[in-house]
Amino acid sequence: MKKSVIFPIIAALFLIAGCNDEVRVTGVSLNQNEISLTAGESATLQAIVSPSNATLQTIYWNTSDPGVVEITNGRISTTPTTVSNLNTPNRNAVVRVSTMDSEFEDFCHVTVTGYPVITMTSQPASIINLIANGSGNLIVTANATEGASLGYQWFRNTTNSNTGGVAIMGATSATYTIPASNTGTTYYFCEVRANNGISSLRSNVATVNVTYPAISITTQPAANTNVIAGSITGSLYVVASVTPLTQLSYQWYSASSPVAWGGTSISGATGASFPIPTNLTETRYFYCEVRAGVSFAYSNVATVNVSQY
């Protein structure tokens, strides 16, 4: 009687143990190990886990270069979401599939062709010197194969390098107007992109130096000029230079005291030479303001002594 009870229990235990046996994975393979695609195309890989009744069927996908291809559940996309200065017609990447424990894996070598190749036909000027609040432009010209459309993004940098940098908001054309409101040295470069970034190429670096111009009045107006009322002739003049070289402007002033400040600007007296007014009846004082951008300098005061005879 006891034996008839024991045998069914043992049989049940063997049945339960058999139901819990795990079918181990013995391999994984891809249906293709080499694929050639044209830029913009996609393809789907099929991964086969062996045996087909393996308990753990989970697999993982990854790519050796997401800048060339991306892989999502076996689907290969050739349009990158991140660009790292890619500018070659053919690119390669390896897609890997692996089992959950990474014990088994297989690979597919992907070659992508037909990417636009960008050629920079003219680079921005290597060095530009500007005065504060002056103006200047940086320009690039480029073309691309495959009939690709081009886009532009200018960057500024703190070092003489076209790596890194900060993208300048709104600077998205081939020409960039340099802001010269702050003095100092800034480095600029342009990234040219084809077909929304599927290819890209960065220009050389442009070094932009912005300084306040230094004005030097090398010849002052005559300190004293004696004239006779009613027959006044002669001129006052200054000679000035500026570093860095830029355009100078002039404005002459009339004053009632021998001080180069607070005078009255003389309409039309905007040259380096100033004809002494012929209608003077008494002694007057004159001086010149020389300007270059935001910089200026005043000449010495010129005294014009007027006598009646």
Foldseek 3Di string as FASTA:
>chain_A
DVVVVVVVVVVVVVVVVVVPDFAAWDAKEKPAQEEEEEAFDKDFIDMAIPPNVGPFPDKDKAKPDLLQWGADNRMIHRQHPDFDQAADQKDKMKMKMAGPVRPYIGIHIYMYGGDKHKDWPDFFAAEAEAEAVGKDKTATDMDIPPPWDKKKWKFKDPDQDPPDGDTDPPQIDRMDMDHRNDFDKIKMKMWMATPVRNHIHIGGIHIYGYYHKDKDWPAFWAQEAEDEQPDDWDKTFIDMAIPPHDDKKKWKFKDPDQDQDDGHTDPPQIDRIGIDDNHDDAKIKMKMWMDDRPDIDIGGIHIYGYDHD
